[in-house]
Every structure is written in structure tokens, then in C-alpha cells.
C-alpha atoms as a PDB file:
ATOM      1  CA  MET A   1      10.561  84.642 -20.681  1.00  0.00           C
ATOM      2  CA  SER A   2       9.818  88.369 -20.452  1.00  0.00           C
ATOM      3  CA  SER A   3      12.432  91.036 -19.774  1.00  0.00           C
ATOM      4  CA  LYS A   4      11.433  90.914 -16.113  1.00  0.00           C
ATOM      5  CA  VAL A   5      12.915  88.267 -13.852  1.00  0.00           C
ATOM      6  CA  ARG A   6      10.233  86.070 -12.298  1.00  0.00           C
ATOM      7  CA  LEU A   7      11.407  83.745  -9.558  1.00  0.00           C
ATOM      8  CA  GLY A   8       9.428  81.104  -7.729  1.00  0.00           C
ATOM      9  CA  VAL A   9       9.638  80.991  -3.932  1.00  0.00           C
ATOM     10  CA  THR A  10       8.514  77.718  -2.367  1.00  0.00           C
ATOM     11  CA  MET A  11       6.997  78.040   1.118  1.00  0.00           C
ATOM     12  CA  GLY A  12       8.861  75.042   2.512  1.00  0.00           C
ATOM     13  CA  CYS A  13       7.281  73.040   5.291  1.00  0.00           C
ATOM     14  CA  PRO A  14       4.017  74.807   6.252  1.00  0.00           C
ATOM     15  CA  ALA A  15       4.684  73.990   9.905  1.00  0.00           C
ATOM     16  CA  GLY A  16       8.145  75.588   9.798  1.00  0.00           C
ATOM     17  CA  VAL A  17       9.419  79.161   9.565  1.00  0.00           C
ATOM     18  CA  GLY A  18       9.096  79.371   5.776  1.00  0.00           C
ATOM     19  CA  PRO A  19       5.803  81.312   5.721  1.00  0.00           C
ATOM     20  CA  GLU A  20       6.997  84.020   8.091  1.00  0.00           C
ATOM     21  CA  ILE A  21      10.454  84.540   6.592  1.00  0.00           C
ATOM     22  CA  ILE A  22       8.787  84.959   3.189  1.00  0.00           C
ATOM     23  CA  LEU A  23       6.521  87.682   4.562  1.00  0.00           C
ATOM     24  CA  LYS A  24       9.399  89.389   6.347  1.00  0.00           C
ATOM     25  CA  ALA A  25      11.613  89.160   3.255  1.00  0.00           C
ATOM     26  CA  LEU A  26       8.970  90.959   1.197  1.00  0.00           C
ATOM     27  CA  GLY A  27       9.540  93.988   3.386  1.00  0.00           C
ATOM     28  CA  HIS A  28      13.042  94.352   1.924  1.00  0.00           C
ATOM     29  CA  SER A  29      14.025  96.230  -1.210  1.00  0.00           C
ATOM     30  CA  PHE A  30      14.519  94.201  -4.402  1.00  0.00           C
ATOM     31  CA  PRO A  31      15.182  95.221  -8.018  1.00  0.00           C
ATOM     32  CA  GLU A  32      12.185  96.766  -9.785  1.00  0.00           C
ATOM     33  CA  ASP A  33      12.354  94.162 -12.561  1.00  0.00           C
ATOM     34  CA  LEU A  34      11.994  91.248 -10.121  1.00  0.00           C
ATOM     35  CA  ASP A  35       8.674  89.475  -9.518  1.00  0.00           C
ATOM     36  CA  LEU A  36       8.236  86.746  -6.906  1.00  0.00           C
ATOM     37  CA  LEU A  37       5.679  83.963  -7.346  1.00  0.00           C
ATOM     38  CA  ILE A  38       5.100  82.387  -3.937  1.00  0.00           C
ATOM     39  CA  LEU A  39       4.139  78.730  -4.193  1.00  0.00           C
ATOM     40  CA  GLY A  40       2.313  78.000  -0.989  1.00  0.00           C
ATOM     41  CA  ASP A  41      -0.795  78.223   1.141  1.00  0.00           C
ATOM     42  CA  PRO A  42      -2.694  81.541   1.314  1.00  0.00           C
ATOM     43  CA  GLU A  43      -4.456  80.731   4.593  1.00  0.00           C
ATOM     44  CA  ILE A  44      -1.185  80.000   6.393  1.00  0.00           C
ATOM     45  CA  LEU A  45       0.455  83.105   4.954  1.00  0.00           C
ATOM     46  CA  LYS A  46      -2.545  85.181   6.013  1.00  0.00           C
ATOM     47  CA  GLU A  47      -2.346  83.846   9.569  1.00  0.00           C
ATOM     48  CA  ARG A  48       1.422  84.448   9.783  1.00  0.00           C
ATOM     49  CA  ALA A  49       0.872  87.956   8.398  1.00  0.00           C
ATOM     50  CA  ARG A  50      -1.576  88.606  11.247  1.00  0.00           C
ATOM     51  CA  VAL A  51       1.106  87.598  13.763  1.00  0.00           C
ATOM     52  CA  LEU A  52       3.657  89.840  12.047  1.00  0.00           C
ATOM     53  CA  GLY A  53       1.263  92.755  11.615  1.00  0.00           C
ATOM     54  CA  CYS A  54       1.651  92.977   7.846  1.00  0.00           C
ATOM     55  CA  ASP A  55      -0.428  92.339   4.739  1.00  0.00           C
ATOM     56  CA  PRO A  56       0.089  89.154   2.699  1.00  0.00           C
ATOM     57  CA  PRO A  57       0.600  89.399  -1.075  1.00  0.00           C
ATOM     58  CA  PRO A  58      -2.445  89.008  -3.336  1.00  0.00           C
ATOM     59  CA  VAL A  59      -3.605  85.551  -4.411  1.00  0.00           C
ATOM     60  CA  ILE A  60      -3.646  84.748  -8.135  1.00  0.00           C
ATOM     61  CA  GLN A  61      -5.436  81.977 -10.009  1.00  0.00           C
ATOM     62  CA  GLY A  62      -2.402  80.458 -11.686  1.00  0.00           C
ATOM     63  CA  PRO A  63       1.215  81.037 -12.711  1.00  0.00           C
ATOM     64  CA  ASP A  64       0.136  82.651 -15.984  1.00  0.00           C
ATOM     65  CA  THR A  65      -1.813  85.396 -14.218  1.00  0.00           C
ATOM     66  CA  PRO A  66      -0.042  88.775 -14.566  1.00  0.00           C
ATOM     67  CA  PHE A  67       1.091  90.450 -11.347  1.00  0.00           C
ATOM     68  CA  GLU A  68       3.631  92.979 -10.114  1.00  0.00           C
ATOM     69  CA  GLY A  69       6.053  92.499  -7.251  1.00  0.00           C
ATOM     70  CA  ALA A  70       4.825  89.429  -5.378  1.00  0.00           C
ATOM     71  CA  ALA A  71       1.794  87.151  -5.476  1.00  0.00           C
ATOM     72  CA  ILE A  72       0.683  83.825  -4.010  1.00  0.00           C
ATOM     73  CA  TRP A  73      -0.187  80.851  -6.195  1.00  0.00           C
ATOM     74  CA  PRO A  74      -2.348  78.712  -3.883  1.00  0.00           C
ATOM     75  CA  LEU A  75      -1.142  75.145  -4.127  1.00  0.00           C
ATOM     76  CA  SER A  76      -2.684  74.010  -0.851  1.00  0.00           C
ATOM     77  CA  HIS A  77      -5.567  74.967   1.429  1.00  0.00           C
ATOM     78  CA  LEU A  78      -4.687  73.302   4.689  1.00  0.00           C
ATOM     79  CA  PRO A  79      -7.493  73.485   7.265  1.00  0.00           C
ATOM     80  CA  GLU A  80      -5.322  73.795  10.340  1.00  0.00           C
ATOM     81  CA  VAL A  81      -1.577  73.808  10.793  1.00  0.00           C
ATOM     82  CA  LYS A  82       0.108  73.751  14.176  1.00  0.00           C
ATOM     83  CA  PRO A  83       3.457  75.564  14.002  1.00  0.00           C
ATOM     84  CA  GLY A  84       6.271  73.158  14.731  1.00  0.00           C
ATOM     85  CA  LYS A  85       4.073  70.089  14.182  1.00  0.00           C
ATOM     86  CA  PRO A  86       4.401  68.685  10.643  1.00  0.00           C
ATOM     87  CA  ASP A  87       1.965  65.996   9.563  1.00  0.00           C
ATOM     88  CA  LYS A  88       1.189  64.092   6.382  1.00  0.00           C
ATOM     89  CA  GLU A  89      -0.917  66.905   4.909  1.00  0.00           C
ATOM     90  CA  THR A  90       1.694  69.605   5.497  1.00  0.00           C
ATOM     91  CA  ALA A  91       4.381  67.251   4.174  1.00  0.00           C
ATOM     92  CA  ARG A  92       2.491  66.520   0.960  1.00  0.00           C
ATOM     93  CA  ALA A  93       1.859  70.216   0.426  1.00  0.00           C
ATOM     94  CA  MET A  94       5.566  70.948   0.963  1.00  0.00           C
ATOM     95  CA  VAL A  95       6.501  68.455  -1.737  1.00  0.00           C
ATOM     96  CA  ARG A  96       3.903  69.848  -4.144  1.00  0.00           C
ATOM     97  CA  TYR A  97       5.367  73.348  -3.893  1.00  0.00           C
ATOM     98  CA  ILE A  98       8.761  72.005  -4.938  1.00  0.00           C
ATOM     99  CA  ARG A  99       7.492  69.821  -7.762  1.00  0.00           C
ATOM    100  CA  GLU A 100       5.363  72.587  -9.261  1.00  0.00           C
ATOM    101  CA  GLY A 101       8.227  75.072  -8.962  1.00  0.00           C
ATOM    102  CA  VAL A 102      10.654  72.776 -10.763  1.00  0.00           C
ATOM    103  CA  THR A 103       8.106  72.139 -13.528  1.00  0.00           C
ATOM    104  CA  LEU A 104       7.635  75.868 -14.098  1.00  0.00           C
ATOM    105  CA  CYS A 105      11.397  76.390 -14.245  1.00  0.00           C
ATOM    106  CA  LEU A 106      11.862  73.581 -16.771  1.00  0.00           C
ATOM    107  CA  GLN A 107       9.037  75.042 -18.873  1.00  0.00           C
ATOM    108  CA  GLY A 108      10.660  78.484 -18.831  1.00  0.00           C
ATOM    109  CA  ALA A 109       7.816  80.116 -16.917  1.00  0.00           C
ATOM    110  CA  LEU A 110      10.179  80.894 -14.033  1.00  0.00           C
ATOM    111  CA  ALA A 111      13.773  82.071 -14.284  1.00  0.00           C
ATOM    112  CA  GLY A 112      14.720  80.300 -11.070  1.00  0.00           C
ATOM    113  CA  LEU A 113      13.552  78.760  -7.816  1.00  0.00           C
ATOM    114  CA  VAL A 114      14.242  79.937  -4.270  1.00  0.00           C
ATOM    115  CA  THR A 115      13.366  77.336  -1.670  1.00  0.00           C
ATOM    116  CA  CYS A 116      12.402  77.755   1.962  1.00  0.00           C
ATOM    117  CA  PRO A 117      13.417  75.040   4.415  1.00  0.00           C
ATOM    118  CA  ILE A 118      12.084  71.501   4.464  1.00  0.00           C
ATOM    119  CA  SER A 119      12.890  68.647   6.829  1.00  0.00           C
ATOM    120  CA  LYS A 120      13.808  64.998   6.500  1.00  0.00           C
ATOM    121  CA  THR A 121      10.962  64.217   8.887  1.00  0.00           C
ATOM    122  CA  ALA A 122       8.435  65.865   6.579  1.00  0.00           C
ATOM    123  CA  LEU A 123       9.872  64.154   3.504  1.00  0.00           C
ATOM    124  CA  ARG A 124       9.401  60.795   5.202  1.00  0.00           C
ATOM    125  CA  LEU A 125       5.838  61.713   6.166  1.00  0.00           C
ATOM    126  CA  ALA A 126       5.154  62.510   2.501  1.00  0.00           C
ATOM    127  CA  GLY A 127       6.518  59.123   1.457  1.00  0.00           C
ATOM    128  CA  GLU A 128       9.451  60.620  -0.439  1.00  0.00           C
ATOM    129  CA  PRO A 129      12.712  58.644  -0.697  1.00  0.00           C
ATOM    130  CA  PHE A 130      14.946  61.723  -0.733  1.00  0.00           C
ATOM    131  CA  PRO A 131      16.998  62.878   2.275  1.00  0.00           C
ATOM    132  CA  GLY A 132      16.792  66.531   1.223  1.00  0.00           C
ATOM    133  CA  HIS A 133      16.349  69.181  -1.448  1.00  0.00           C
ATOM    134  CA  THR A 134      19.581  68.383  -3.297  1.00  0.00           C
ATOM    135  CA  GLU A 135      18.741  64.785  -4.095  1.00  0.00           C
ATOM    136  CA  MET A 136      15.101  65.577  -4.860  1.00  0.00           C
ATOM    137  CA  LEU A 137      15.947  68.399  -7.268  1.00  0.00           C
ATOM    138  CA  ALA A 138      18.543  66.270  -9.042  1.00  0.00           C
ATOM    139  CA  SER A 139      15.916  63.563  -9.594  1.00  0.00           C
ATOM    140  CA  LEU A 140      13.193  65.982 -10.740  1.00  0.00           C
ATOM    141  CA  THR A 141      15.475  67.720 -13.241  1.00  0.00           C
ATOM    142  CA  GLY A 142      17.401  64.658 -14.435  1.00  0.00           C
ATOM    143  CA  ALA A 143      20.728  66.155 -13.407  1.00  0.00           C
ATOM    144  CA  LYS A 144      23.530  63.582 -13.438  1.00  0.00           C
ATOM    145  CA  GLU A 145      26.148  65.465 -11.435  1.00  0.00           C
ATOM    146  CA  VAL A 146      25.263  67.932  -8.686  1.00  0.00           C
ATOM    147  CA  ALA A 147      27.067  69.513  -5.772  1.00  0.00           C
ATOM    148  CA  MET A 148      26.019  71.361  -2.637  1.00  0.00           C
ATOM    149  CA  ALA A 149      27.562  74.815  -2.424  1.00  0.00           C
ATOM    150  CA  PHE A 150      27.306  77.799  -0.088  1.00  0.00           C
ATOM    151  CA  TYR A 151      27.584  81.422  -1.066  1.00  0.00           C
ATOM    152  CA  GLY A 152      28.506  84.463   0.986  1.00  0.00           C
ATOM    153  CA  ASP A 153      30.088  87.789   0.193  1.00  0.00           C
ATOM    154  CA  LYS A 154      33.221  86.838   2.131  1.00  0.00           C
ATOM    155  CA  LEU A 155      33.439  83.077   1.558  1.00  0.00           C
ATOM    156  CA  LYS A 156      32.175  80.568  -0.993  1.00  0.00           C
ATOM    157  CA  ILE A 157      32.529  76.813  -0.621  1.00  0.00           C
ATOM    158  CA  VAL A 158      31.490  73.603  -2.341  1.00  0.00           C
ATOM    159  CA  LEU A 159      31.339  70.169  -0.688  1.00  0.00           C
ATOM    160  CA  VAL A 160      32.764  66.940  -2.099  1.00  0.00           C
ATOM    161  CA  THR A 161      30.844  64.806   0.427  1.00  0.00           C
ATOM    162  CA  ILE A 162      27.710  65.943   2.225  1.00  0.00           C
ATOM    163  CA  HIS A 163      25.722  64.263   5.011  1.00  0.00           C
ATOM    164  CA  VAL A 164      27.767  61.200   5.882  1.00  0.00           C
ATOM    165  CA  PRO A 165      29.554  60.069   9.058  1.00  0.00           C
ATOM    166  CA  PHE A 166      33.085  61.407   9.220  1.00  0.00           C
ATOM    167  CA  SER A 167      34.419  57.850   9.426  1.00  0.00           C
ATOM    168  CA  GLN A 168      33.126  57.237   5.886  1.00  0.00           C
ATOM    169  CA  VAL A 169      34.611  60.357   4.290  1.00  0.00           C
ATOM    170  CA  PRO A 170      38.053  58.986   3.253  1.00  0.00           C
ATOM    171  CA  ALA A 171      36.492  56.006   1.455  1.00  0.00           C
ATOM    172  CA  LEU A 172      34.080  58.283  -0.429  1.00  0.00           C
ATOM    173  CA  LEU A 173      36.794  60.562  -1.791  1.00  0.00           C
ATOM    174  CA  SER A 174      38.068  59.977  -5.308  1.00  0.00           C
ATOM    175  CA  GLU A 175      39.862  61.889  -8.039  1.00  0.00           C
ATOM    176  CA  THR A 176      36.751  61.636 -10.206  1.00  0.00           C
ATOM    177  CA  LYS A 177      34.459  63.093  -7.530  1.00  0.00           C
ATOM    178  CA  ILE A 178      36.825  65.952  -6.735  1.00  0.00           C
ATOM    179  CA  LEU A 179      37.130  66.780 -10.437  1.00  0.00           C
ATOM    180  CA  SER A 180      33.365  66.704 -10.943  1.00  0.00           C
ATOM    181  CA  VAL A 181      32.704  69.053  -8.028  1.00  0.00           C
ATOM    182  CA  SER A 182      35.528  71.379  -9.085  1.00  0.00           C
ATOM    183  CA  ARG A 183      34.166  71.616 -12.630  1.00  0.00           C
ATOM    184  CA  LEU A 184      30.714  72.545 -11.329  1.00  0.00           C
ATOM    185  CA  ALA A 185      32.212  75.156  -9.011  1.00  0.00           C
ATOM    186  CA  TYR A 186      34.285  76.669 -11.832  1.00  0.00           C
ATOM    187  CA  ARG A 187      31.218  76.961 -14.070  1.00  0.00           C
ATOM    188  CA  PHE A 188      29.281  78.621 -11.250  1.00  0.00           C
ATOM    189  CA  LEU A 189      31.977  81.226 -10.686  1.00  0.00           C
ATOM    190  CA  LYS A 190      32.551  81.827 -14.387  1.00  0.00           C
ATOM    191  CA  GLU A 191      29.032  81.685 -15.816  1.00  0.00           C
ATOM    192  CA  ASP A 192      26.701  82.541 -12.939  1.00  0.00           C
ATOM    193  CA  LEU A 193      28.843  85.086 -11.089  1.00  0.00           C
ATOM    194  CA  GLY A 194      30.725  86.432 -14.106  1.00  0.00           C
ATOM    195  CA  LEU A 195      34.259  86.027 -12.726  1.00  0.00           C
ATOM    196  CA  HIS A 196      36.727  86.158 -15.611  1.00  0.00           C
ATOM    197  CA  SER A 197      39.552  84.228 -13.922  1.00  0.00           C
ATOM    198  CA  PRO A 198      38.167  82.227 -10.984  1.00  0.00           C
ATOM    199  CA  ARG A 199      40.599  80.789  -8.459  1.00  0.00           C
ATOM    200  CA  LEU A 200      39.736  77.533  -6.680  1.00  0.00           C
ATOM    201  CA  ALA A 201      41.546  75.888  -3.783  1.00  0.00           C
ATOM    202  CA  LEU A 202      41.270  72.296  -2.578  1.00  0.00           C
ATOM    203  CA  SER A 203      41.340  71.679   1.148  1.00  0.00           C
ATOM    204  CA  ALA A 204      43.483  68.894   2.532  1.00  0.00           C
ATOM    205  CA  LEU A 205      41.924  66.096   4.558  1.00  0.00           C
ATOM    206  CA  ASN A 206      44.600  65.594   7.208  1.00  0.00           C
ATOM    207  CA  PRO A 207      46.301  68.086   9.565  1.00  0.00           C
ATOM    208  CA  HIS A 208      49.034  70.099   7.837  1.00  0.00           C
ATOM    209  CA  ALA A 209      48.101  68.415   4.523  1.00  0.00           C
ATOM    210  CA  SER A 210      49.555  65.207   6.070  1.00  0.00           C
ATOM    211  CA  GLU A 211      53.019  66.762   6.658  1.00  0.00           C
ATOM    212  CA  GLY A 212      54.668  64.745   3.917  1.00  0.00           C
ATOM    213  CA  GLY A 213      52.807  61.557   4.778  1.00  0.00           C
ATOM    214  CA  LEU A 214      53.199  61.649   8.555  1.00  0.00           C
ATOM    215  CA  PHE A 215      49.466  62.039   9.175  1.00  0.00           C
ATOM    216  CA  GLY A 216      47.927  60.052   6.335  1.00  0.00           C
ATOM    217  CA  ASP A 217      48.341  59.210   2.667  1.00  0.00           C
ATOM    218  CA  GLU A 218      45.148  60.716   1.155  1.00  0.00           C
ATOM    219  CA  GLU A 219      46.920  63.881   0.043  1.00  0.00           C
ATOM    220  CA  ALA A 220      49.583  62.060  -1.976  1.00  0.00           C
ATOM    221  CA  ARG A 221      47.318  59.220  -3.095  1.00  0.00           C
ATOM    222  CA  LEU A 222      44.135  61.121  -4.034  1.00  0.00           C
ATOM    223  CA  LEU A 223      44.203  64.863  -3.619  1.00  0.00           C
ATOM    224  CA  GLU A 224      47.436  65.809  -5.348  1.00  0.00           C
ATOM    225  CA  PRO A 225      46.659  63.639  -8.415  1.00  0.00           C
ATOM    226  CA  ALA A 226      43.187  65.208  -8.571  1.00  0.00           C
ATOM    227  CA  VAL A 227      44.709  68.691  -8.636  1.00  0.00           C
ATOM    228  CA  ARG A 228      47.148  67.675 -11.375  1.00  0.00           C
ATOM    229  CA  ARG A 229      44.306  66.244 -13.476  1.00  0.00           C
ATOM    230  CA  ALA A 230      42.240  69.387 -12.954  1.00  0.00           C
ATOM    231  CA  GLN A 231      45.091  71.622 -14.012  1.00  0.00           C
ATOM    232  CA  ALA A 232      45.767  69.436 -17.050  1.00  0.00           C
ATOM    233  CA  GLU A 233      42.252  70.125 -18.315  1.00  0.00           C
ATOM    234  CA  GLY A 234      42.501  73.842 -17.603  1.00  0.00           C
ATOM    235  CA  LEU A 235      40.723  74.070 -14.266  1.00  0.00           C
ATOM    236  CA  PRO A 236      42.338  76.696 -11.979  1.00  0.00           C
ATOM    237  CA  LEU A 237      42.428  74.399  -8.939  1.00  0.00           C
ATOM    238  CA  GLU A 238      45.309  74.638  -6.476  1.00  0.00           C
ATOM    239  CA  GLY A 239      46.239  72.677  -3.382  1.00  0.00           C
ATOM    240  CA  PRO A 240      45.664  70.630  -1.381  1.00  0.00           C
ATOM    241  CA  PHE A 241      46.239  73.211   1.327  1.00  0.00           C
ATOM    242  CA  PRO A 242      46.015  72.725   5.114  1.00  0.00           C
ATOM    243  CA  ALA A 243      42.451  73.491   6.175  1.00  0.00           C
ATOM    244  CA  ASP A 244      43.500  75.417   9.281  1.00  0.00           C
ATOM    245  CA  SER A 245      44.847  78.301   7.158  1.00  0.00           C
ATOM    246  CA  LEU A 246      43.103  77.871   3.813  1.00  0.00           C
ATOM    247  CA  PHE A 247      39.813  79.525   4.729  1.00  0.00           C
ATOM    248  CA  PHE A 248      41.648  82.580   6.058  1.00  0.00           C
ATOM    249  CA  ARG A 249      43.501  82.803   2.753  1.00  0.00           C
ATOM    250  CA  ALA A 250      40.227  82.581   0.835  1.00  0.00           C
ATOM    251  CA  VAL A 251      38.534  85.253   2.937  1.00  0.00           C
ATOM    252  CA  SER A 252      41.605  87.443   2.454  1.00  0.00           C
ATOM    253  CA  GLY A 253      41.036  87.342  -1.313  1.00  0.00           C
ATOM    254  CA  GLU A 254      43.595  84.763  -2.450  1.00  0.00           C
ATOM    255  CA  PHE A 255      40.914  82.323  -3.682  1.00  0.00           C
ATOM    256  CA  ASP A 256      37.339  82.765  -4.900  1.00  0.00           C
ATOM    257  CA  LEU A 257      36.042  79.405  -3.646  1.00  0.00           C
ATOM    258  CA  VAL A 258      37.183  76.530  -1.461  1.00  0.00           C
ATOM    259  CA  VAL A 259      36.528  72.909  -2.403  1.00  0.00           C
ATOM    260  CA  ALA A 260      35.936  71.330   1.013  1.00  0.00           C
ATOM    261  CA  LEU A 261      36.064  67.568   1.447  1.00  0.00           C
ATOM    262  CA  TYR A 262      33.364  67.081   4.075  1.00  0.00           C
ATOM    263  CA  HIS A 263      30.433  68.881   5.640  1.00  0.00           C
ATOM    264  CA  ASP A 264      31.858  70.397   8.814  1.00  0.00           C
ATOM    265  CA  GLN A 265      35.210  71.236   7.227  1.00  0.00           C
ATOM    266  CA  GLY A 266      33.434  73.721   4.982  1.00  0.00           C
ATOM    267  CA  LEU A 267      30.385  74.667   7.033  1.00  0.00           C
ATOM    268  CA  ILE A 268      32.137  75.624  10.266  1.00  0.00           C
ATOM    269  CA  PRO A 269      34.134  78.503   8.751  1.00  0.00           C
ATOM    270  CA  PHE A 270      31.280  79.416   6.427  1.00  0.00           C
ATOM    271  CA  LYS A 271      28.671  79.723   9.167  1.00  0.00           C
ATOM    272  CA  LEU A 272      31.124  81.526  11.422  1.00  0.00           C
ATOM    273  CA  LEU A 273      31.071  84.293   8.809  1.00  0.00           C
ATOM    274  CA  HIS A 274      27.648  83.871   7.219  1.00  0.00           C
ATOM    275  CA  PHE A 275      25.397  82.359   9.876  1.00  0.00           C
ATOM    276  CA  ARG A 276      22.625  84.872   9.130  1.00  0.00           C
ATOM    277  CA  ASP A 277      23.055  85.680   5.443  1.00  0.00           C
ATOM    278  CA  GLY A 278      24.521  82.541   3.862  1.00  0.00           C
ATOM    279  CA  VAL A 279      22.918  80.988   0.796  1.00  0.00           C
ATOM    280  CA  ASN A 280      22.704  77.286  -0.053  1.00  0.00           C
ATOM    281  CA  LEU A 281      22.639  76.413  -3.749  1.00  0.00           C
ATOM    282  CA  THR A 282      22.725  73.313  -5.901  1.00  0.00           C
ATOM    283  CA  LEU A 283      25.330  73.291  -8.672  1.00  0.00           C
ATOM    284  CA  GLY A 284      24.815  71.176 -11.784  1.00  0.00           C
ATOM    285  CA  LEU A 285      21.050  71.600 -12.145  1.00  0.00           C
ATOM    286  CA  PRO A 286      19.567  72.777 -15.459  1.00  0.00           C
ATOM    287  CA  ILE A 287      17.670  75.420 -13.459  1.00  0.00           C
ATOM    288  CA  VAL A 288      18.706  78.212 -11.117  1.00  0.00           C
ATOM    289  CA  ARG A 289      18.066  77.146  -7.539  1.00  0.00           C
ATOM    290  CA  THR A 290      19.069  78.895  -4.332  1.00  0.00           C
ATOM    291  CA  SER A 291      17.904  78.351  -0.783  1.00  0.00           C
ATOM    292  CA  VAL A 292      18.209  79.468   2.792  1.00  0.00           C
ATOM    293  CA  ASP A 293      21.092  77.794   4.580  1.00  0.00           C
ATOM    294  CA  HIS A 294      19.088  76.859   7.672  1.00  0.00           C
ATOM    295  CA  GLY A 295      16.387  74.390   8.609  1.00  0.00           C
ATOM    296  CA  THR A 296      12.693  74.550   9.405  1.00  0.00           C
ATOM    297  CA  ALA A 297      13.346  75.802  12.961  1.00  0.00           C
ATOM    298  CA  TYR A 298      10.164  74.174  14.256  1.00  0.00           C
ATOM    299  CA  ASP A 299      10.876  75.591  17.717  1.00  0.00           C
ATOM    300  CA  LEU A 300      10.577  79.144  16.332  1.00  0.00           C
ATOM    301  CA  ALA A 301       7.717  78.583  13.887  1.00  0.00           C
ATOM    302  CA  GLY A 302       4.672  80.786  14.316  1.00  0.00           C
ATOM    303  CA  LYS A 303       6.340  83.155  16.777  1.00  0.00           C
ATOM    304  CA  GLY A 304       7.325  85.791  14.222  1.00  0.00           C
ATOM    305  CA  VAL A 305      10.958  85.871  15.381  1.00  0.00           C
ATOM    306  CA  ALA A 306      12.673  83.888  12.591  1.00  0.00           C
ATOM    307  CA  ASP A 307      15.444  85.756  10.758  1.00  0.00           C
ATOM    308  CA  GLU A 308      14.773  86.358   7.055  1.00  0.00           C
ATOM    309  CA  ALA A 309      18.305  87.487   6.107  1.00  0.00           C
ATOM    310  CA  SER A 310      19.278  84.194   4.463  1.00  0.00           C
ATOM    311  CA  LEU A 311      16.128  84.172   2.315  1.00  0.00           C
ATOM    312  CA  VAL A 312      16.720  87.771   1.232  1.00  0.00           C
ATOM    313  CA  ALA A 313      20.276  86.846   0.208  1.00  0.00           C
ATOM    314  CA  ALA A 314      19.018  83.731  -1.620  1.00  0.00           C
ATOM    315  CA  ILE A 315      16.507  85.794  -3.621  1.00  0.00           C
ATOM    316  CA  ARG A 316      19.151  88.335  -4.579  1.00  0.00           C
ATOM    317  CA  LEU A 317      21.616  85.642  -5.656  1.00  0.00           C
ATOM    318  CA  ALA A 318      18.983  83.810  -7.732  1.00  0.00           C
ATOM    319  CA  TYR A 319      18.110  87.116  -9.425  1.00  0.00           C
ATOM    320  CA  GLN A 320      21.782  87.721 -10.251  1.00  0.00           C
ATOM    321  CA  MET A 321      22.254  84.179 -11.589  1.00  0.00           C
ATOM    322  CA  ALA A 322      19.053  84.266 -13.654  1.00  0.00           C
ATOM    323  CA  ARG A 323      19.949  87.560 -15.303  1.00  0.00           C
ATOM    324  CA  ARG A 324      23.285  86.150 -16.417  1.00  0.00           C
ATOM    325  CA  ARG A 325      21.947  82.779 -17.526  1.00  0.00           C
ATOM    326  CA  PHE A 326      19.067  84.167 -19.550  1.00  0.00           C
ATOM    327  CA  ASN A 327      20.688  87.481 -20.587  1.00  0.00           C
ATOM    328  CA  LEU A 328      17.818  89.386 -18.975  1.00  0.00           C
END
């Protein structure tokens, strides 16, 4: 690894907004010691650049080729792609970008990976068994414990459960799971963000943290014991606190991160504040990985109107994390 920070940027689904938000993101200012290797399709990027009225980055022969700023490593040459219409060829290309990016990170050729959006539909078309990036990256890197987190300047959250029906959430909660996610979040704050004394808060499941058992027993049966176990091993986890006031307390500076129990509990307040510039990241991987916090937006693809703010924030966060992890 050289003194410069080289990040990979996967193009995501070729039929989605990934190509255009990459091109628009390159118009922003980044640190001079940052290079971006775009893993994607040069023909698609050239066509999207025509729509946007900009020039695409140069194409290089392989990841070992020297370049400055940004360059495209051509991992696919798709003959024709209809924006908003994924097919088997675009899906297979999408998966290849991710697999090659992970390999380069594990080999040390990249300091981190920034991923543009993919879709469950495209993963199925490619014959992949994974429901999304998180599960796929965990499998490719051999990570045993991972967690989905979201980063913003005002609010940071991590999820204990992810994409499951709300009716299944209580049965999926356990002291062990809460502890695992809290440990990963603490390491992220301490090691990747450089916070000396991180403060974590656990959200309650029931209204008013069950009001002494009036609205459920999960707080007394699961959440409070999990907090006690966390504190016994030195984790600065507090709670459980009522969700209706906890996120305000976190945004006000009382806590650095909220451990949310289910998807919408954490994502509603997060996207209220960071709908445009939020960053999705996977904790627990042996590589740095950040991502946009939105989907492929097939309805916007090819129109040149997709917002690149989340990708810009994801690149900047990956750069910050990589510099700390590798002492660059």
C-alpha cells in the first residue's frame, strides 16, 4: 500500500443510477492523496457522461496500472443497456464488480471499497443467493459477525435486526446479538472514527421502554440484561431508552451512536436528517466498505437527475476510515 489512499468504487447495477452518480461525484473536491479506481463498464460510463455533458475518467488496463485521481478498470463491455431494465448480463457484471473489488481489498491493492447500489432483483437474475450487499460481503470476506450501520454528521445508528417483518423482531432479539452489534459499533467509533470515549445508547422496543412492564417484558427480560453484560465487559452502552426521545438526545450530543433494534426504528430518524447525504456501511468486515444509503432508483436511471451526495459522503468516510486503519 502506497502513501496515497486508493479506493475502489463499484458501479453497482449498470441499469441503475450508479454510473451517473459516479460521474457526478467526480466533479466534487476530494483530498489530493485519494485515487479512485472505478470498477465498471467504460461504454456505459461514456454514454452517461454524454447525457451529463462531462468527460468520463480514462480507462486503464488493470488495477496495477498507475493513474492519478480517477480511472476506470473495465470489467464488462455490455453491448446495450436500457436504463431501468436489468437483465442477466447487467446482473452478472454487477456481481463481478463487487467480487473483484473485494479481492483487491483482501490483497491490499485497495484501501477500501465504496459500493454503488444493487438490487435484489438483479442478484436473483445473476443466480446469487444473497439478499443484498451485507450478506454477500460477509460471505466473500469470511466475516463471522457483521452489522449494518448508517453514518451521518448528526446521527449514527447500527441495526440489531435488518430486513425482517416487524412481527418477527421480538423473537430475533437476544442478549448475544445485542452485545455483538454493540461491540462492532464501539470498535467502529473508537478505531475507525478515532473517538476516545464513545457513548452508545440502546433503544427500547416498546413504548416508554415498557413503562415498568405495562407494555411488554422485552426490556426487563432481554434489553436490560444485555446492557448490564455490556457494561460488565467495559462497553459504554446505556439504556434501554424510550425510542421517542432517544434519537433527539443523540442528535443533541448526549450519545455518539444509537443501537436500534429494527430497521424502521433506526432508519426513520436517520433518513429524516440524512436522506441525501447518509452513508451505509458494514461493520465487522476485514475490509473498509461504505456505500450509498439508497437503491438503484431504476425510475431515475439514465436521466442524469440522480443525487450524488450520498456517494460523495461514502467516499469521504471510506477515505477517513482507511487512513486510520492503515496509518496512511
